[in-house]
Amino acid sequence: MQSEELNLDVFTLSALLTACSVCNLSRKGKEIHAFALHFAMERQNL
């Protein structure tokens, strides 16, 4: 996800987390959650 230089917003991240939940992909959901926290911190520093 990071290596492809995608522009993600809160709606995309929310949809990804929902999809992980529906598909029972908790590990991937945790990875996306960690990325979302990092993403939020970077945006606050701008």
N, C-alpha and C. Protein backbone atom coordinates (compact mmCIF):
# COMPACT_ATOMS: atom_id res chain seq x y z
N MET A 1 0.82 -1.18 0.00
CA MET A 1 0.00 0.00 0.00
C MET A 1 0.87 1.25 0.00
N GLN A 2 1.86 1.31 0.83
CA GLN A 2 2.70 2.48 0.93
C GLN A 2 3.60 2.63 -0.29
N SER A 3 4.06 1.54 -0.83
CA SER A 3 5.02 1.60 -1.93
C SER A 3 4.39 2.11 -3.22
N GLU A 4 3.08 2.06 -3.32
CA GLU A 4 2.42 2.50 -4.55
C GLU A 4 2.07 3.98 -4.53
N GLU A 5 2.41 4.70 -3.45
CA GLU A 5 2.19 6.14 -3.36
C GLU A 5 0.74 6.53 -3.61
N LEU A 6 -0.18 5.86 -2.92
CA LEU A 6 -1.60 6.18 -3.06
C LEU A 6 -1.96 7.36 -2.18
N ASN A 7 -2.89 8.18 -2.66
CA ASN A 7 -3.41 9.27 -1.84
C ASN A 7 -4.66 8.77 -1.14
N LEU A 8 -4.54 8.46 0.13
CA LEU A 8 -5.66 7.93 0.89
C LEU A 8 -6.27 9.02 1.74
N ASP A 9 -7.59 8.93 1.92
CA ASP A 9 -8.26 9.85 2.83
C ASP A 9 -8.99 9.03 3.90
N VAL A 10 -9.66 9.71 4.80
CA VAL A 10 -10.32 9.02 5.91
C VAL A 10 -11.42 8.09 5.42
N PHE A 11 -12.07 8.43 4.32
CA PHE A 11 -13.14 7.59 3.79
C PHE A 11 -12.59 6.28 3.23
N THR A 12 -11.48 6.36 2.53
CA THR A 12 -10.84 5.16 1.99
C THR A 12 -10.35 4.26 3.10
N LEU A 13 -9.70 4.84 4.10
CA LEU A 13 -9.20 4.04 5.22
C LEU A 13 -10.34 3.39 5.98
N SER A 14 -11.44 4.12 6.17
CA SER A 14 -12.60 3.56 6.84
C SER A 14 -13.18 2.39 6.06
N ALA A 15 -13.27 2.54 4.75
CA ALA A 15 -13.79 1.46 3.90
C ALA A 15 -12.88 0.24 3.95
N LEU A 16 -11.57 0.46 3.96
CA LEU A 16 -10.63 -0.65 4.05
C LEU A 16 -10.79 -1.41 5.36
N LEU A 17 -10.93 -0.67 6.47
CA LEU A 17 -11.10 -1.32 7.77
C LEU A 17 -12.42 -2.09 7.83
N THR A 18 -13.47 -1.54 7.25
CA THR A 18 -14.75 -2.24 7.20
C THR A 18 -14.63 -3.52 6.39
N ALA A 19 -13.96 -3.44 5.25
CA ALA A 19 -13.78 -4.62 4.40
C ALA A 19 -12.98 -5.70 5.13
N CYS A 20 -11.96 -5.29 5.87
CA CYS A 20 -11.17 -6.26 6.64
C CYS A 20 -12.02 -6.94 7.69
N SER A 21 -12.90 -6.17 8.31
CA SER A 21 -13.78 -6.72 9.33
C SER A 21 -14.75 -7.74 8.73
N VAL A 22 -15.36 -7.39 7.62
CA VAL A 22 -16.32 -8.27 6.96
C VAL A 22 -15.64 -9.56 6.49
N CYS A 23 -14.41 -9.45 6.01
CA CYS A 23 -13.68 -10.60 5.47
C CYS A 23 -12.87 -11.34 6.53
N ASN A 24 -13.00 -10.92 7.79
CA ASN A 24 -12.29 -11.55 8.90
C ASN A 24 -10.77 -11.51 8.69
N LEU A 25 -10.27 -10.35 8.32
CA LEU A 25 -8.84 -10.15 8.10
C LEU A 25 -8.29 -9.22 9.19
N SER A 26 -8.29 -9.71 10.42
CA SER A 26 -7.92 -8.85 11.55
C SER A 26 -6.47 -8.38 11.48
N ARG A 27 -5.57 -9.23 11.04
CA ARG A 27 -4.16 -8.81 10.97
C ARG A 27 -3.98 -7.67 9.96
N LYS A 28 -4.59 -7.80 8.80
CA LYS A 28 -4.50 -6.74 7.80
C LYS A 28 -5.19 -5.48 8.31
N GLY A 29 -6.29 -5.63 9.03
CA GLY A 29 -6.98 -4.48 9.62
C GLY A 29 -6.10 -3.75 10.61
N LYS A 30 -5.34 -4.50 11.40
CA LYS A 30 -4.42 -3.88 12.36
C LYS A 30 -3.31 -3.13 11.63
N GLU A 31 -2.83 -3.67 10.53
CA GLU A 31 -1.80 -2.98 9.73
C GLU A 31 -2.35 -1.67 9.17
N ILE A 32 -3.57 -1.72 8.67
CA ILE A 32 -4.19 -0.52 8.11
C ILE A 32 -4.44 0.51 9.21
N HIS A 33 -4.86 0.04 10.38
CA HIS A 33 -5.09 0.94 11.51
C HIS A 33 -3.79 1.64 11.90
N ALA A 34 -2.70 0.91 11.97
CA ALA A 34 -1.40 1.50 12.29
C ALA A 34 -1.00 2.52 11.23
N PHE A 35 -1.24 2.19 9.97
CA PHE A 35 -0.94 3.13 8.89
C PHE A 35 -1.79 4.39 9.03
N ALA A 36 -3.07 4.21 9.39
CA ALA A 36 -3.97 5.36 9.55
C ALA A 36 -3.49 6.28 10.66
N LEU A 37 -3.01 5.71 11.76
CA LEU A 37 -2.47 6.53 12.84
C LEU A 37 -1.25 7.31 12.38
N HIS A 38 -0.38 6.65 11.64
CA HIS A 38 0.82 7.31 11.10
C HIS A 38 0.41 8.42 10.12
N PHE A 39 -0.56 8.12 9.28
CA PHE A 39 -1.09 9.07 8.30
C PHE A 39 -1.64 10.30 9.01
N ALA A 40 -2.38 10.11 10.10
CA ALA A 40 -2.96 11.23 10.85
C ALA A 40 -1.86 12.07 11.49
N MET A 41 -0.84 11.44 12.01
CA MET A 41 0.26 12.18 12.63
C MET A 41 1.01 13.01 11.60
N GLU A 42 1.23 12.47 10.42
CA GLU A 42 1.91 13.22 9.37
C GLU A 42 1.11 14.43 8.93
N ARG A 43 -0.20 14.28 8.84
CA ARG A 43 -1.05 15.40 8.41
C ARG A 43 -1.06 16.51 9.45
N GLN A 44 -0.95 16.16 10.72
CA GLN A 44 -0.95 17.17 11.78
C GLN A 44 0.35 17.97 11.77
N ASN A 45 1.42 17.36 11.31
CA ASN A 45 2.72 18.04 11.29
C ASN A 45 2.86 19.01 10.12
N LEU A 46 1.95 18.96 9.17
CA LEU A 46 2.06 19.85 8.00
C LEU A 46 1.60 21.24 8.30
